[in-house]
C-alpha cells in the first residue's frame, strides 16, 4: 500500500520536472529584463550628453533596433 502511494507521488514529481515550458518562458523574460536594464543604465550614464559617446551609443542602438524591425 505505501509503496503504491510513493510510486504515484514519484511519477507525478517526474512529470512536473520534465515540464520545461514554464521554465523556458521565465528564462526569456529574465533575458529581456537584463537587456532592458542594460539599456536603462546606458541611458542614465550618458544623460545630458548629446555630443559625444552617449549620442554615438544612442545612434548605434537606434540603428540596430531599426534593422531588426526591417527584416
C-alpha atoms as a PDB file:
ATOM      1  CA  UNK A   1       0.000   0.000   0.000  1.00  0.00           C
ATOM      2  CA  UNK A   2       2.677   2.504   0.992  1.00  0.00           C
ATOM      3  CA  UNK A   3       4.832   1.520  -1.982  1.00  0.00           C
ATOM      4  CA  UNK A   4       1.988   2.260  -4.418  1.00  0.00           C
ATOM      5  CA  UNK A   5       1.433   5.688  -2.868  1.00  0.00           C
ATOM      6  CA  UNK A   6       5.125   6.533  -3.058  1.00  0.00           C
ATOM      7  CA  UNK A   7       5.256   5.400  -6.701  1.00  0.00           C
ATOM      8  CA  UNK A   8       2.272   7.628  -7.565  1.00  0.00           C
ATOM      9  CA  UNK A   9       3.894  10.679  -5.973  1.00  0.00           C
ATOM     10  CA  UNK A  10       7.199   9.888  -7.646  1.00  0.00           C
ATOM     11  CA  UNK A  11       5.582   9.643 -11.082  1.00  0.00           C
ATOM     12  CA  UNK A  12       3.769  12.969 -10.540  1.00  0.00           C
ATOM     13  CA  UNK A  13       7.052  14.558  -9.494  1.00  0.00           C
ATOM     14  CA  UNK A  14       8.791  13.287 -12.645  1.00  0.00           C
ATOM     15  CA  UNK A  15       6.074  14.745 -14.866  1.00  0.00           C
ATOM     16  CA  UNK A  16       6.471  18.113 -13.150  1.00  0.00           C
ATOM     17  CA  UNK A  17      10.262  18.043 -13.512  1.00  0.00           C
ATOM     18  CA  UNK A  18      10.075  17.158 -17.211  1.00  0.00           C
ATOM     19  CA  UNK A  19       7.725  20.058 -17.998  1.00  0.00           C
ATOM     20  CA  UNK A  20      10.133  22.800 -19.116  1.00  0.00           C
ATOM     21  CA  UNK A  21       7.714  25.197 -20.856  1.00  0.00           C
ATOM     22  CA  UNK A  22       7.273  27.409 -17.812  1.00  0.00           C
ATOM     23  CA  UNK A  23      10.986  27.470 -17.040  1.00  0.00           C
ATOM     24  CA  UNK A  24      11.850  28.460 -20.592  1.00  0.00           C
ATOM     25  CA  UNK A  25       9.354  31.329 -20.528  1.00  0.00           C
ATOM     26  CA  UNK A  26      10.855  32.602 -17.289  1.00  0.00           C
ATOM     27  CA  UNK A  27      14.341  32.479 -18.844  1.00  0.00           C
ATOM     28  CA  UNK A  28      13.221  34.580 -21.817  1.00  0.00           C
ATOM     29  CA  UNK A  29      11.543  37.104 -19.519  1.00  0.00           C
ATOM     30  CA  UNK A  30      14.704  37.309 -17.414  1.00  0.00           C
ATOM     31  CA  UNK A  31      16.822  37.848 -20.550  1.00  0.00           C
ATOM     32  CA  UNK A  32      14.521  40.662 -21.687  1.00  0.00           C
ATOM     33  CA  UNK A  33      14.795  42.220 -18.221  1.00  0.00           C
ATOM     34  CA  UNK A  34      18.586  42.136 -18.374  1.00  0.00           C
ATOM     35  CA  UNK A  35      18.597  43.762 -21.809  1.00  0.00           C
ATOM     36  CA  UNK A  36      16.239  46.498 -20.625  1.00  0.00           C
ATOM     37  CA  UNK A  37      18.384  47.087 -17.542  1.00  0.00           C
ATOM     38  CA  UNK A  38      21.496  47.488 -19.720  1.00  0.00           C
ATOM     39  CA  UNK A  39      19.722  49.985 -21.979  1.00  0.00           C
ATOM     40  CA  UNK A  40      18.414  51.931 -18.990  1.00  0.00           C
ATOM     41  CA  UNK A  41      21.853  52.075 -17.371  1.00  0.00           C
ATOM     42  CA  UNK A  42      23.427  53.311 -20.611  1.00  0.00           C
ATOM     43  CA  UNK A  43      20.751  55.984 -20.886  1.00  0.00           C
ATOM     44  CA  UNK A  44      21.237  57.122 -17.288  1.00  0.00           C
ATOM     45  CA  UNK A  45      25.025  57.104 -17.557  1.00  0.00           C
ATOM     46  CA  UNK A  46      25.016  59.327 -20.635  1.00  0.00           C
ATOM     47  CA  UNK A  47      22.077  61.527 -19.583  1.00  0.00           C
ATOM     48  CA  UNK A  48      22.506  65.064 -20.915  1.00  0.00           C
ATOM     49  CA  UNK A  49      25.431  64.024 -23.102  1.00  0.00           C
ATOM     50  CA  UNK A  50      24.253  64.939 -26.579  1.00  0.00           C
ATOM     51  CA  UNK A  51      27.539  65.391 -28.437  1.00  0.00           C
ATOM     52  CA  UNK A  52      29.945  62.584 -27.574  1.00  0.00           C
ATOM     53  CA  UNK A  53      29.834  58.931 -26.650  1.00  0.00           C
ATOM     54  CA  UNK A  54      26.238  58.978 -25.450  1.00  0.00           C
ATOM     55  CA  UNK A  55      24.965  60.185 -28.809  1.00  0.00           C
ATOM     56  CA  UNK A  56      27.090  57.608 -30.639  1.00  0.00           C
ATOM     57  CA  UNK A  57      25.756  54.786 -28.461  1.00  0.00           C
ATOM     58  CA  UNK A  58      22.176  56.009 -28.843  1.00  0.00           C
ATOM     59  CA  UNK A  59      22.511  56.240 -32.620  1.00  0.00           C
ATOM     60  CA  UNK A  60      24.065  52.788 -32.862  1.00  0.00           C
ATOM     61  CA  UNK A  61      21.324  51.225 -30.722  1.00  0.00           C
ATOM     62  CA  UNK A  62      18.658  53.006 -32.774  1.00  0.00           C
ATOM     63  CA  UNK A  63      20.180  51.661 -35.995  1.00  0.00           C
ATOM     64  CA  UNK A  64      20.298  48.127 -34.603  1.00  0.00           C
ATOM     65  CA  UNK A  65      16.667  48.282 -33.486  1.00  0.00           C
ATOM     66  CA  UNK A  66      15.539  49.697 -36.834  1.00  0.00           C
ATOM     67  CA  UNK A  67      17.492  46.966 -38.637  1.00  0.00           C
ATOM     68  CA  UNK A  68      15.724  44.267 -36.631  1.00  0.00           C
ATOM     69  CA  UNK A  69      12.325  45.740 -37.492  1.00  0.00           C
ATOM     70  CA  UNK A  70      13.062  45.928 -41.204  1.00  0.00           C
ATOM     71  CA  UNK A  71      13.929  42.249 -41.647  1.00  0.00           C
END
